[in-house]
Structures are given as structure tokens and as C-alpha cells.
């Protein structure tokens, strides 16, 4: 209540000043007072996350259809950090390979790749990749040194697996993976402009 009263008094003061001072002088006085009210902008490091979380379902002896996804991610000069979190679950994969070797690798696998702009189209090597056909624990990869090529990066996954729900619960299993890429870049927040959680990227202020 006290803050509202103070604001009201300030507004009345401006109106009186406007009435007493005409022309450019009056406008300048109003602008100066308004500037003193404006909060200083706050620069924060904002994260953007892309990726997939998938559980396979199949029937009989056939593996599920291959899972293939691709995301184009815009990088600019302000990107300061790149992190990828990855996990894969292929139940009993190690025991199966001990008996029949790695013949299941074409039916149970996850391959994730990240390409710099234009590299995939030119047939070049990925900037980062991971492949597995067995259990892979939750792992965090911090990549790069804070300087990244500007443009649209290609983030893609190819995977296949089994997912069987058996009458006996202990025999049921579902292959699963999740992979998420997070980029971090500075973002400016103006209290008088943005709602909670909103901000404007530095590159958009140019």
C-alpha cells in the first residue's frame, strides 16, 4: 500500500510539473523522472534443451520399427556451453551376447550424432557421437570450449529395440533410451517488459 501511495504521489508530481512547464523542457523533465524508475536489466544464463525419450514396444520375435529423429538447432556467437545427457537400457544384453555373440546389435542399438552446420550434407564426420547396443548408464557430456560454429547444427538419433510384455511379469522387458542436448546462452531480463521466466537473448537486442 505504501509503495502504491508513493507511486501515486510521483505521478501527481509529474502531472503538476507538466502543467507548469510546457514544451520540450516539460517532456525532458518527465523522461528524466521515468528513467529513475526503470530497473537495471538483469543478464541471466538461459538453457534450451532438445532431445528424445523413447521406450520400445514389439511383438513376437520381431524387433520394433527403427526410431529415427532429427532436430536442427540454431547456434549463434553467444552460445557459451553445450551439454548432452545420455542413457540406454537394453535388459539382459550382456548375458545374451555371452551366449550368441553380438548378433543382436542390428536389432538393439542406439546411435546419436551431432553435426556442425553443413558437415553432414558434405559427408563429413560428426562433431560428437555415441553408439551402444548394451546398457549405458546415465552420463553427462560437457562438450566444446565455449566457442561454437554459428548456424544450424544437426542433432539426430537412430535406434531400434525390443519391448515385450509377457504373461509372466518377470519375463517382460522394454528397451529404452533418452538423450537430451542443452545449450546455454546469455539472456537479458527487463522487469518492466518481461513476465516471470521471460527474457530477450543478447543477439536479439542488436
N, C-alpha and C. Protein backbone atom coordinates (compact mmCIF):
# COMPACT_ATOMS: atom_id res chain seq x y z
N UNK A 1 0.83 -1.20 0.00
CA UNK A 1 0.00 0.00 0.00
C UNK A 1 0.87 1.25 0.00
N UNK A 2 1.97 1.22 0.80
CA UNK A 2 2.86 2.37 0.88
C UNK A 2 3.50 2.64 -0.47
N UNK A 3 3.89 1.54 -1.19
CA UNK A 3 4.53 1.71 -2.49
C UNK A 3 3.57 2.34 -3.48
N UNK A 4 2.28 1.90 -3.46
CA UNK A 4 1.29 2.47 -4.36
C UNK A 4 1.09 3.95 -4.08
N UNK A 5 1.06 4.33 -2.80
CA UNK A 5 0.88 5.73 -2.43
C UNK A 5 2.05 6.57 -2.94
N UNK A 6 3.27 6.02 -2.80
CA UNK A 6 4.45 6.73 -3.27
C UNK A 6 4.41 6.93 -4.77
N UNK A 7 4.00 5.87 -5.48
CA UNK A 7 3.90 5.95 -6.94
C UNK A 7 2.87 6.98 -7.36
N UNK A 8 1.73 6.99 -6.66
CA UNK A 8 0.66 7.94 -6.98
C UNK A 8 1.13 9.36 -6.78
N UNK A 9 1.86 9.60 -5.69
CA UNK A 9 2.39 10.95 -5.42
C UNK A 9 3.33 11.37 -6.53
N UNK A 10 4.18 10.42 -6.98
CA UNK A 10 5.13 10.74 -8.04
C UNK A 10 4.41 11.09 -9.33
N UNK A 11 3.36 10.35 -9.65
CA UNK A 11 2.58 10.63 -10.87
C UNK A 11 1.95 12.01 -10.80
N UNK A 12 1.38 12.34 -9.65
CA UNK A 12 0.77 13.67 -9.48
C UNK A 12 1.81 14.76 -9.64
N UNK A 13 3.03 14.47 -9.10
CA UNK A 13 4.10 15.46 -9.22
C UNK A 13 4.47 15.70 -10.67
N UNK A 14 4.50 14.62 -11.44
CA UNK A 14 4.82 14.76 -12.86
C UNK A 14 3.75 15.55 -13.59
N UNK A 15 2.49 15.24 -13.28
CA UNK A 15 1.38 15.96 -13.92
C UNK A 15 1.44 17.45 -13.60
N UNK A 16 1.75 17.77 -12.35
CA UNK A 16 1.85 19.18 -11.96
C UNK A 16 3.02 19.84 -12.67
N UNK A 17 4.15 19.10 -12.77
CA UNK A 17 5.31 19.66 -13.45
C UNK A 17 5.02 19.88 -14.93
N UNK A 18 4.24 18.95 -15.50
CA UNK A 18 3.88 19.10 -16.90
C UNK A 18 3.00 20.30 -17.13
N UNK A 19 2.13 20.56 -16.17
CA UNK A 19 1.22 21.70 -16.30
C UNK A 19 1.96 23.02 -16.14
N UNK A 20 3.00 23.01 -15.30
CA UNK A 20 3.74 24.24 -15.02
C UNK A 20 4.85 24.50 -16.02
N UNK A 21 5.36 23.42 -16.64
CA UNK A 21 6.45 23.58 -17.62
C UNK A 21 5.98 23.03 -18.95
N UNK A 22 5.93 23.86 -19.94
CA UNK A 22 5.42 23.43 -21.24
C UNK A 22 6.57 23.15 -22.19
N UNK A 23 6.24 22.50 -23.33
CA UNK A 23 7.21 22.30 -24.39
C UNK A 23 8.23 21.22 -24.07
N UNK A 24 9.40 21.34 -24.73
CA UNK A 24 10.45 20.32 -24.61
C UNK A 24 10.96 20.20 -23.19
N UNK A 25 11.03 21.30 -22.45
CA UNK A 25 11.53 21.27 -21.09
C UNK A 25 10.67 20.36 -20.23
N UNK A 26 9.34 20.46 -20.41
CA UNK A 26 8.43 19.61 -19.64
C UNK A 26 8.62 18.15 -19.98
N UNK A 27 8.76 17.83 -21.27
CA UNK A 27 8.96 16.44 -21.69
C UNK A 27 10.27 15.89 -21.17
N UNK A 28 11.31 16.71 -21.18
CA UNK A 28 12.61 16.27 -20.68
C UNK A 28 12.55 15.94 -19.20
N UNK A 29 11.82 16.78 -18.44
CA UNK A 29 11.68 16.53 -17.01
C UNK A 29 10.94 15.22 -16.75
N UNK A 30 9.88 14.98 -17.54
CA UNK A 30 9.12 13.74 -17.37
C UNK A 30 9.99 12.52 -17.68
N UNK A 31 10.77 12.62 -18.79
CA UNK A 31 11.60 11.49 -19.20
C UNK A 31 12.65 11.18 -18.14
N UNK A 32 13.22 12.23 -17.55
CA UNK A 32 14.25 12.03 -16.54
C UNK A 32 13.70 11.33 -15.31
N UNK A 33 12.50 11.70 -14.90
CA UNK A 33 11.88 11.06 -13.74
C UNK A 33 11.55 9.61 -14.05
N UNK A 34 11.03 9.35 -15.26
CA UNK A 34 10.66 7.99 -15.64
C UNK A 34 11.90 7.09 -15.68
N UNK A 35 13.04 7.63 -16.15
CA UNK A 35 14.27 6.85 -16.22
C UNK A 35 14.73 6.40 -14.84
N UNK A 36 14.49 7.23 -13.82
CA UNK A 36 14.92 6.87 -12.47
C UNK A 36 14.10 5.71 -11.92
N UNK A 37 12.90 5.50 -12.48
CA UNK A 37 12.06 4.38 -12.03
C UNK A 37 12.49 3.06 -12.64
N UNK A 38 13.14 3.10 -13.80
CA UNK A 38 13.43 1.89 -14.55
C UNK A 38 14.49 1.04 -13.84
N UNK A 39 14.18 -0.25 -13.68
CA UNK A 39 15.12 -1.17 -13.05
C UNK A 39 16.25 -1.51 -14.03
N UNK A 40 17.45 -1.71 -13.51
CA UNK A 40 18.55 -2.13 -14.36
C UNK A 40 18.28 -3.53 -14.91
N UNK A 41 18.59 -3.78 -16.20
CA UNK A 41 18.35 -5.11 -16.76
C UNK A 41 19.22 -6.15 -16.08
N UNK A 42 18.70 -7.37 -16.03
CA UNK A 42 19.42 -8.48 -15.40
C UNK A 42 19.81 -9.48 -16.48
N UNK A 43 21.09 -9.80 -16.59
CA UNK A 43 21.55 -10.79 -17.55
C UNK A 43 21.67 -12.15 -16.88
N UNK A 44 20.99 -13.15 -17.45
CA UNK A 44 21.00 -14.49 -16.90
C UNK A 44 21.48 -15.48 -17.96
N UNK A 45 21.94 -16.65 -17.53
CA UNK A 45 22.33 -17.71 -18.45
C UNK A 45 21.13 -18.63 -18.62
N UNK A 46 20.54 -18.61 -19.82
CA UNK A 46 19.32 -19.39 -20.05
C UNK A 46 19.63 -20.66 -20.84
N UNK A 47 19.01 -21.75 -20.44
CA UNK A 47 19.23 -23.04 -21.09
C UNK A 47 18.09 -23.37 -22.05
N UNK A 48 18.44 -23.99 -23.18
CA UNK A 48 17.47 -24.53 -24.13
C UNK A 48 17.80 -26.01 -24.32
N UNK A 49 16.79 -26.85 -24.20
CA UNK A 49 17.02 -28.30 -24.24
C UNK A 49 16.25 -28.94 -25.39
N UNK A 50 16.92 -29.87 -26.08
CA UNK A 50 16.33 -30.60 -27.20
C UNK A 50 16.65 -32.08 -27.01
N UNK A 51 15.78 -32.97 -27.50
CA UNK A 51 16.10 -34.38 -27.39
C UNK A 51 14.90 -35.28 -27.39
N UNK A 52 15.14 -36.54 -27.01
CA UNK A 52 14.10 -37.56 -27.11
C UNK A 52 14.19 -38.56 -25.96
N UNK A 53 13.04 -39.14 -25.64
CA UNK A 53 12.91 -40.17 -24.60
C UNK A 53 11.99 -41.23 -25.20
N UNK A 54 12.50 -42.44 -25.42
CA UNK A 54 11.70 -43.43 -26.15
C UNK A 54 11.82 -44.82 -25.52
N UNK A 55 10.68 -45.49 -25.40
CA UNK A 55 10.60 -46.88 -24.93
C UNK A 55 10.04 -47.73 -26.06
N UNK A 56 10.68 -48.85 -26.33
CA UNK A 56 10.27 -49.70 -27.46
C UNK A 56 9.19 -50.70 -27.06
N UNK A 57 8.27 -50.95 -28.01
CA UNK A 57 7.23 -51.96 -27.84
C UNK A 57 7.21 -52.81 -29.12
N UNK A 58 7.25 -54.12 -28.96
CA UNK A 58 7.27 -55.02 -30.11
C UNK A 58 6.41 -56.24 -29.82
N UNK A 59 6.31 -57.11 -30.82
CA UNK A 59 5.53 -58.34 -30.63
C UNK A 59 6.27 -59.50 -31.26
N UNK A 60 6.17 -60.66 -30.66
CA UNK A 60 6.82 -61.85 -31.20
C UNK A 60 8.33 -61.71 -31.24
N UNK A 61 8.93 -62.29 -32.29
CA UNK A 61 10.38 -62.29 -32.42
C UNK A 61 10.89 -61.07 -33.18
N UNK A 62 9.99 -60.25 -33.70
CA UNK A 62 10.40 -59.09 -34.47
C UNK A 62 10.69 -57.91 -33.56
N UNK A 63 11.80 -57.24 -33.83
CA UNK A 63 12.10 -56.01 -33.09
C UNK A 63 11.15 -54.91 -33.54
N UNK A 64 11.01 -53.89 -32.75
CA UNK A 64 10.17 -52.76 -33.11
C UNK A 64 10.76 -52.05 -34.33
N UNK A 65 9.93 -51.27 -35.00
CA UNK A 65 10.42 -50.49 -36.14
C UNK A 65 11.52 -49.53 -35.69
N UNK A 66 12.49 -49.26 -36.56
CA UNK A 66 13.55 -48.32 -36.19
C UNK A 66 12.98 -46.96 -35.80
N UNK A 67 13.62 -46.33 -34.85
CA UNK A 67 13.24 -45.00 -34.37
C UNK A 67 14.28 -44.01 -34.88
N UNK A 68 13.85 -43.04 -35.70
CA UNK A 68 14.76 -42.07 -36.29
C UNK A 68 14.20 -40.66 -36.13
N UNK A 69 14.99 -39.78 -35.56
CA UNK A 69 14.57 -38.39 -35.36
C UNK A 69 15.74 -37.46 -35.66
N UNK A 70 15.39 -36.24 -36.06
CA UNK A 70 16.41 -35.23 -36.34
C UNK A 70 15.91 -33.86 -35.90
N UNK A 71 16.80 -33.08 -35.34
CA UNK A 71 16.47 -31.73 -34.88
C UNK A 71 17.54 -30.77 -35.38
N UNK A 72 17.12 -29.63 -35.96
CA UNK A 72 18.04 -28.59 -36.36
C UNK A 72 18.06 -27.53 -35.26
N UNK A 73 19.25 -27.24 -34.74
CA UNK A 73 19.38 -26.34 -33.59
C UNK A 73 20.23 -25.14 -33.99
N UNK A 74 19.67 -23.96 -33.81
CA UNK A 74 20.37 -22.74 -34.18
C UNK A 74 21.38 -22.34 -33.12
N UNK A 75 22.65 -22.26 -33.52
CA UNK A 75 23.72 -21.77 -32.65
C UNK A 75 24.10 -20.36 -33.12
N UNK A 76 24.31 -19.45 -32.18
CA UNK A 76 24.86 -18.15 -32.51
C UNK A 76 26.12 -17.92 -31.68
N UNK A 77 26.74 -16.74 -31.87
CA UNK A 77 28.03 -16.50 -31.22
C UNK A 77 27.93 -16.39 -29.70
N UNK A 78 26.70 -16.29 -29.19
CA UNK A 78 26.56 -16.12 -27.74
C UNK A 78 26.46 -17.45 -26.98
N UNK A 79 26.36 -18.58 -27.68
CA UNK A 79 26.28 -19.88 -27.00
C UNK A 79 27.57 -20.11 -26.22
N UNK A 80 27.44 -20.37 -24.92
CA UNK A 80 28.60 -20.49 -24.05
C UNK A 80 28.84 -21.92 -23.55
N UNK A 81 27.83 -22.80 -23.67
CA UNK A 81 28.01 -24.14 -23.12
C UNK A 81 27.14 -25.12 -23.89
N UNK A 82 27.65 -26.35 -24.05
CA UNK A 82 26.93 -27.43 -24.71
C UNK A 82 27.07 -28.68 -23.86
N UNK A 83 25.93 -29.26 -23.46
CA UNK A 83 25.92 -30.46 -22.61
C UNK A 83 24.96 -31.48 -23.20
N UNK A 84 25.37 -32.75 -23.23
CA UNK A 84 24.49 -33.84 -23.68
C UNK A 84 24.38 -34.86 -22.56
N UNK A 85 23.15 -35.23 -22.23
CA UNK A 85 22.88 -36.28 -21.25
C UNK A 85 22.33 -37.50 -22.00
N UNK A 86 22.92 -38.67 -21.74
CA UNK A 86 22.55 -39.87 -22.49
C UNK A 86 22.43 -41.07 -21.57
N UNK A 87 21.45 -41.92 -21.90
CA UNK A 87 21.28 -43.18 -21.16
C UNK A 87 20.61 -44.19 -22.09
N UNK A 88 21.01 -45.46 -21.99
CA UNK A 88 20.37 -46.53 -22.75
C UNK A 88 20.19 -47.75 -21.85
N UNK A 89 19.06 -48.43 -22.04
CA UNK A 89 18.76 -49.62 -21.24
C UNK A 89 18.35 -50.75 -22.19
N UNK A 90 19.18 -51.80 -22.23
CA UNK A 90 18.90 -52.99 -23.02
C UNK A 90 18.99 -54.19 -22.08
N UNK A 91 17.87 -54.54 -21.44
CA UNK A 91 17.89 -55.61 -20.44
C UNK A 91 18.49 -56.90 -20.99
N UNK A 92 19.32 -57.53 -20.17
CA UNK A 92 19.93 -58.83 -20.45
C UNK A 92 20.87 -58.80 -21.66
N UNK A 93 21.25 -57.62 -22.14
CA UNK A 93 22.08 -57.55 -23.35
C UNK A 93 23.43 -58.23 -23.14
N UNK A 94 24.04 -58.05 -21.96
CA UNK A 94 25.35 -58.65 -21.73
C UNK A 94 25.26 -60.18 -21.66
N UNK A 95 24.19 -60.70 -21.04
CA UNK A 95 24.03 -62.15 -20.95
C UNK A 95 23.78 -62.77 -22.33
N UNK A 96 22.99 -62.08 -23.16
CA UNK A 96 22.68 -62.60 -24.49
C UNK A 96 23.94 -62.65 -25.35
N UNK A 97 24.77 -61.62 -25.26
CA UNK A 97 25.99 -61.59 -26.07
C UNK A 97 26.97 -62.66 -25.64
N UNK A 98 26.95 -63.05 -24.36
CA UNK A 98 27.83 -64.12 -23.90
C UNK A 98 27.46 -65.45 -24.54
N UNK A 99 26.16 -65.59 -24.89
CA UNK A 99 25.69 -66.87 -25.44
C UNK A 99 25.78 -66.90 -26.96
N UNK A 100 25.32 -65.82 -27.63
CA UNK A 100 25.24 -65.85 -29.10
C UNK A 100 26.09 -64.75 -29.75
N UNK A 101 26.96 -64.11 -28.98
CA UNK A 101 27.80 -63.07 -29.56
C UNK A 101 27.02 -61.78 -29.76
N UNK A 102 27.46 -60.96 -30.70
CA UNK A 102 26.83 -59.64 -30.88
C UNK A 102 25.85 -59.61 -32.04
N UNK A 103 25.22 -60.74 -32.33
CA UNK A 103 24.29 -60.81 -33.46
C UNK A 103 23.05 -59.93 -33.26
N UNK A 104 22.81 -59.51 -32.03
CA UNK A 104 21.63 -58.69 -31.78
C UNK A 104 21.91 -57.20 -32.00
N UNK A 105 23.14 -56.84 -32.33
CA UNK A 105 23.49 -55.43 -32.44
C UNK A 105 22.74 -54.71 -33.56
N UNK A 106 22.26 -55.43 -34.55
CA UNK A 106 21.49 -54.81 -35.62
C UNK A 106 20.03 -54.64 -35.24
N UNK A 107 19.63 -55.24 -34.14
CA UNK A 107 18.24 -55.18 -33.71
C UNK A 107 18.06 -54.39 -32.42
N UNK A 108 19.14 -54.23 -31.67
CA UNK A 108 19.08 -53.48 -30.40
C UNK A 108 20.28 -52.53 -30.36
N UNK A 109 20.02 -51.25 -30.58
CA UNK A 109 21.12 -50.29 -30.64
C UNK A 109 20.58 -48.86 -30.53
N UNK A 110 21.46 -47.95 -30.18
CA UNK A 110 21.19 -46.52 -30.21
C UNK A 110 22.43 -45.82 -30.77
N UNK A 111 22.21 -44.94 -31.73
CA UNK A 111 23.30 -44.14 -32.30
C UNK A 111 22.86 -42.67 -32.29
N UNK A 112 23.66 -41.84 -31.67
CA UNK A 112 23.37 -40.41 -31.59
C UNK A 112 24.52 -39.63 -32.19
N UNK A 113 24.20 -38.63 -33.02
CA UNK A 113 25.24 -37.84 -33.67
C UNK A 113 24.86 -36.36 -33.66
N UNK A 114 25.90 -35.53 -33.56
CA UNK A 114 25.74 -34.08 -33.62
C UNK A 114 26.71 -33.53 -34.66
N UNK A 115 26.17 -32.83 -35.66
CA UNK A 115 26.99 -32.29 -36.75
C UNK A 115 27.01 -30.77 -36.71
N UNK A 116 28.16 -30.19 -37.02
CA UNK A 116 28.24 -28.76 -37.23
C UNK A 116 27.54 -28.39 -38.54
N UNK A 117 27.20 -27.13 -38.73
CA UNK A 117 26.45 -26.72 -39.92
C UNK A 117 27.13 -27.16 -41.22
N UNK A 118 26.35 -27.82 -42.09
CA UNK A 118 26.82 -28.21 -43.41
C UNK A 118 27.69 -29.45 -43.47
N UNK A 119 28.12 -29.98 -42.35
CA UNK A 119 29.06 -31.11 -42.34
C UNK A 119 28.39 -32.41 -42.77
N UNK A 120 27.20 -32.68 -42.27
CA UNK A 120 26.51 -33.92 -42.64
C UNK A 120 26.24 -33.95 -44.13
N UNK A 121 25.77 -32.83 -44.68
CA UNK A 121 25.44 -32.77 -46.10
C UNK A 121 26.69 -32.99 -46.98
N UNK A 122 27.85 -32.60 -46.43
CA UNK A 122 29.10 -32.76 -47.18
C UNK A 122 29.75 -34.13 -46.96
N UNK A 123 29.10 -34.97 -46.12
CA UNK A 123 29.64 -36.30 -45.86
C UNK A 123 30.75 -36.32 -44.84
N UNK A 124 30.85 -35.28 -44.01
CA UNK A 124 31.90 -35.21 -43.02
C UNK A 124 31.57 -35.95 -41.73
N UNK A 125 32.53 -35.96 -40.81
CA UNK A 125 32.38 -36.67 -39.54
C UNK A 125 31.60 -35.82 -38.54
N UNK A 126 30.88 -36.48 -37.63
CA UNK A 126 30.13 -35.76 -36.60
C UNK A 126 31.06 -34.99 -35.66
N UNK A 127 30.56 -33.91 -35.11
CA UNK A 127 31.26 -33.16 -34.07
C UNK A 127 31.32 -34.00 -32.80
N UNK A 128 30.25 -34.78 -32.56
CA UNK A 128 30.17 -35.68 -31.40
C UNK A 128 29.24 -36.82 -31.75
N UNK A 129 29.53 -38.03 -31.24
CA UNK A 129 28.65 -39.18 -31.47
C UNK A 129 28.84 -40.22 -30.38
N UNK A 130 27.83 -41.06 -30.25
CA UNK A 130 27.90 -42.19 -29.33
C UNK A 130 27.06 -43.32 -29.90
N UNK A 131 27.54 -44.55 -29.75
CA UNK A 131 26.83 -45.73 -30.22
C UNK A 131 26.91 -46.80 -29.14
N UNK A 132 25.81 -47.48 -28.92
CA UNK A 132 25.82 -48.58 -27.95
C UNK A 132 24.73 -49.58 -28.30
N UNK A 133 24.98 -50.85 -27.99
CA UNK A 133 23.98 -51.91 -28.15
C UNK A 133 23.81 -52.65 -26.83
N UNK A 134 24.29 -52.05 -25.75
CA UNK A 134 24.15 -52.63 -24.42
C UNK A 134 23.82 -51.52 -23.42
N UNK A 135 23.58 -51.88 -22.20
CA UNK A 135 23.24 -50.88 -21.18
C UNK A 135 24.31 -49.79 -21.12
N UNK A 136 23.84 -48.55 -21.00
CA UNK A 136 24.76 -47.42 -20.87
C UNK A 136 24.22 -46.53 -19.76
N UNK A 137 24.96 -46.38 -18.67
CA UNK A 137 24.44 -45.63 -17.53
C UNK A 137 24.25 -44.14 -17.86
N UNK A 138 23.40 -43.47 -17.10
CA UNK A 138 23.18 -42.04 -17.27
C UNK A 138 24.52 -41.31 -17.22
N UNK A 139 24.85 -40.60 -18.31
CA UNK A 139 26.15 -39.94 -18.42
C UNK A 139 25.97 -38.53 -18.96
N UNK A 140 26.73 -37.61 -18.38
CA UNK A 140 26.70 -36.21 -18.80
C UNK A 140 27.98 -35.89 -19.56
N UNK A 141 27.83 -35.38 -20.78
CA UNK A 141 28.97 -34.99 -21.60
C UNK A 141 28.98 -33.48 -21.75
N UNK A 142 30.03 -32.81 -21.23
CA UNK A 142 30.21 -31.38 -21.44
C UNK A 142 31.16 -31.23 -22.62
N UNK A 143 30.70 -30.56 -23.67
CA UNK A 143 31.40 -30.59 -24.95
C UNK A 143 31.80 -29.18 -25.38
N UNK A 144 33.01 -29.07 -25.95
CA UNK A 144 33.44 -27.80 -26.52
C UNK A 144 34.10 -26.90 -25.50
N UNK A 145 34.63 -25.80 -26.00
CA UNK A 145 35.36 -24.85 -25.13
C UNK A 145 34.66 -23.49 -25.06
N UNK A 146 33.39 -23.46 -25.42
CA UNK A 146 32.65 -22.20 -25.35
C UNK A 146 32.63 -21.43 -26.65
N UNK A 147 33.35 -21.93 -27.68
CA UNK A 147 33.32 -21.30 -28.99
C UNK A 147 32.76 -22.29 -29.99
N UNK A 148 31.62 -21.97 -30.58
CA UNK A 148 30.94 -22.90 -31.47
C UNK A 148 30.66 -22.23 -32.82
N UNK A 149 30.66 -23.04 -33.87
CA UNK A 149 30.38 -22.53 -35.21
C UNK A 149 28.92 -22.05 -35.26
N UNK A 150 28.71 -20.87 -35.81
CA UNK A 150 27.36 -20.33 -35.93
C UNK A 150 26.61 -21.04 -37.05
N UNK A 151 25.29 -21.18 -36.86
CA UNK A 151 24.45 -21.79 -37.88
C UNK A 151 23.58 -22.89 -37.30
N UNK A 152 22.96 -23.67 -38.20
CA UNK A 152 22.05 -24.73 -37.77
C UNK A 152 22.81 -26.05 -37.65
N UNK A 153 22.93 -26.54 -36.41
CA UNK A 153 23.56 -27.82 -36.13
C UNK A 153 22.52 -28.93 -36.27
N UNK A 154 22.96 -30.10 -36.71
CA UNK A 154 22.06 -31.25 -36.88
C UNK A 154 22.27 -32.23 -35.73
N UNK A 155 21.20 -32.47 -34.99
CA UNK A 155 21.20 -33.41 -33.87
C UNK A 155 20.27 -34.55 -34.24
N UNK A 156 20.79 -35.80 -34.27
CA UNK A 156 19.97 -36.91 -34.76
C UNK A 156 20.19 -38.17 -33.94
N UNK A 157 19.17 -39.04 -34.00
CA UNK A 157 19.25 -40.33 -33.32
C UNK A 157 18.66 -41.40 -34.23
N UNK A 158 19.31 -42.58 -34.22
CA UNK A 158 18.79 -43.78 -34.87
C UNK A 158 18.84 -44.89 -33.83
N UNK A 159 17.73 -45.61 -33.67
CA UNK A 159 17.69 -46.63 -32.62
C UNK A 159 16.69 -47.73 -32.99
N UNK A 160 16.90 -48.88 -32.37
CA UNK A 160 15.96 -49.99 -32.53
C UNK A 160 16.03 -50.85 -31.29
N UNK A 161 14.94 -51.52 -30.96
CA UNK A 161 14.95 -52.35 -29.77
C UNK A 161 13.71 -53.21 -29.67
N UNK A 162 13.66 -53.96 -28.58
CA UNK A 162 12.53 -54.84 -28.28
C UNK A 162 11.76 -54.29 -27.09
N UNK A 163 10.48 -54.60 -27.06
CA UNK A 163 9.66 -54.28 -25.91
C UNK A 163 8.56 -55.32 -25.78
N UNK A 164 8.71 -56.24 -24.88
CA UNK A 164 7.79 -57.37 -24.79
C UNK A 164 7.12 -57.40 -23.42
N UNK A 165 5.81 -57.47 -23.44
CA UNK A 165 5.03 -57.63 -22.22
C UNK A 165 4.55 -59.08 -22.16
N UNK A 166 5.15 -59.88 -21.30
CA UNK A 166 4.85 -61.31 -21.21
C UNK A 166 3.81 -61.59 -20.13
N UNK A 167 3.11 -62.74 -20.24
CA UNK A 167 2.16 -63.11 -19.19
C UNK A 167 2.81 -63.18 -17.81
N UNK A 168 4.08 -63.59 -17.80
CA UNK A 168 4.82 -63.63 -16.55
C UNK A 168 5.62 -62.33 -16.44
N UNK A 169 5.32 -61.53 -15.46
CA UNK A 169 5.91 -60.20 -15.36
C UNK A 169 7.43 -60.22 -15.38
N UNK A 170 8.02 -61.22 -14.74
CA UNK A 170 9.48 -61.29 -14.67
C UNK A 170 10.12 -61.45 -16.04
N UNK A 171 9.35 -61.92 -17.03
CA UNK A 171 9.89 -62.12 -18.38
C UNK A 171 9.65 -60.92 -19.28
N UNK A 172 8.95 -59.93 -18.81
CA UNK A 172 8.68 -58.73 -19.59
C UNK A 172 9.90 -57.81 -19.58
N UNK A 173 10.15 -57.15 -20.68
CA UNK A 173 11.23 -56.16 -20.73
C UNK A 173 10.98 -55.20 -21.89
N UNK A 174 11.51 -53.99 -21.74
CA UNK A 174 11.37 -52.96 -22.77
C UNK A 174 12.68 -52.19 -22.90
N UNK A 175 13.26 -52.23 -24.09
CA UNK A 175 14.45 -51.43 -24.33
C UNK A 175 14.06 -49.95 -24.31
N UNK A 176 15.00 -49.13 -23.87
CA UNK A 176 14.70 -47.70 -23.68
C UNK A 176 15.96 -46.86 -23.81
N UNK A 177 15.78 -45.62 -24.27
CA UNK A 177 16.90 -44.68 -24.25
C UNK A 177 16.34 -43.26 -24.06
N UNK A 178 17.16 -42.38 -23.57
CA UNK A 178 16.83 -40.96 -23.55
C UNK A 178 18.11 -40.17 -23.75
N UNK A 179 18.01 -39.12 -24.57
CA UNK A 179 19.16 -38.28 -24.87
C UNK A 179 18.68 -36.84 -25.00
N UNK A 180 19.38 -35.93 -24.31
CA UNK A 180 19.00 -34.52 -24.32
C UNK A 180 20.23 -33.64 -24.49
N UNK A 181 20.12 -32.69 -25.38
CA UNK A 181 21.18 -31.71 -25.64
C UNK A 181 20.73 -30.37 -25.09
N UNK A 182 21.60 -29.72 -24.33
CA UNK A 182 21.28 -28.41 -23.73
C UNK A 182 22.35 -27.39 -24.11
N UNK A 183 21.90 -26.26 -24.68
CA UNK A 183 22.83 -25.17 -24.94
C UNK A 183 22.49 -24.03 -23.98
N UNK A 184 23.52 -23.26 -23.62
CA UNK A 184 23.36 -22.15 -22.69
C UNK A 184 23.86 -20.87 -23.35
N UNK A 185 23.04 -19.81 -23.25
CA UNK A 185 23.48 -18.51 -23.78
C UNK A 185 22.86 -17.39 -22.95
N UNK A 186 23.52 -16.23 -22.91
CA UNK A 186 23.03 -15.13 -22.07
C UNK A 186 21.73 -14.54 -22.58
N UNK A 187 20.89 -14.14 -21.62
CA UNK A 187 19.57 -13.60 -21.93
C UNK A 187 19.32 -12.44 -20.97
N UNK A 188 18.75 -11.35 -21.48
CA UNK A 188 18.56 -10.15 -20.67
C UNK A 188 17.09 -10.03 -20.27
N UNK A 189 16.89 -9.74 -18.99
CA UNK A 189 15.53 -9.61 -18.47
C UNK A 189 15.28 -8.17 -18.02
N UNK A 190 14.19 -7.58 -18.53
CA UNK A 190 13.74 -6.25 -18.13
C UNK A 190 12.44 -6.41 -17.34
N UNK A 191 12.47 -6.01 -16.08
CA UNK A 191 11.30 -6.21 -15.22
C UNK A 191 10.05 -5.54 -15.77
N UNK A 192 10.22 -4.38 -16.41
CA UNK A 192 9.04 -3.65 -16.88
C UNK A 192 8.50 -4.19 -18.20
N UNK A 193 9.23 -5.14 -18.82
CA UNK A 193 8.82 -5.69 -20.11
C UNK A 193 8.44 -7.16 -20.03
N UNK A 194 9.23 -7.96 -19.32
CA UNK A 194 9.07 -9.40 -19.33
C UNK A 194 8.20 -9.92 -18.18
N UNK A 195 7.47 -10.97 -18.50
CA UNK A 195 6.76 -11.73 -17.47
C UNK A 195 7.76 -12.63 -16.77
N UNK A 196 7.33 -13.28 -15.70
CA UNK A 196 8.21 -14.17 -14.96
C UNK A 196 8.75 -15.28 -15.86
N UNK A 197 10.06 -15.48 -15.85
CA UNK A 197 10.68 -16.53 -16.64
C UNK A 197 11.04 -16.12 -18.06
N UNK A 198 10.61 -14.95 -18.49
CA UNK A 198 10.89 -14.49 -19.85
C UNK A 198 12.14 -13.63 -19.88
N UNK A 199 12.77 -13.54 -21.06
CA UNK A 199 13.93 -12.67 -21.26
C UNK A 199 14.17 -12.55 -22.76
N UNK A 200 15.12 -11.71 -23.14
CA UNK A 200 15.46 -11.50 -24.55
C UNK A 200 16.92 -11.83 -24.75
N UNK A 201 17.23 -12.68 -25.72
CA UNK A 201 18.62 -13.06 -25.98
C UNK A 201 19.42 -11.85 -26.45
N UNK A 202 20.70 -11.83 -26.09
CA UNK A 202 21.56 -10.71 -26.43
C UNK A 202 21.60 -10.46 -27.94
N UNK A 203 21.61 -11.54 -28.73
CA UNK A 203 21.68 -11.38 -30.18
C UNK A 203 20.44 -10.73 -30.75
N UNK A 204 19.32 -10.79 -30.03
CA UNK A 204 18.09 -10.18 -30.49
C UNK A 204 18.02 -8.70 -30.15
N UNK A 205 18.97 -8.23 -29.33
CA UNK A 205 18.99 -6.82 -28.93
C UNK A 205 19.85 -5.98 -29.88
N UNK A 206 20.59 -6.67 -30.77
CA UNK A 206 21.47 -5.94 -31.68
C UNK A 206 20.65 -5.09 -32.67
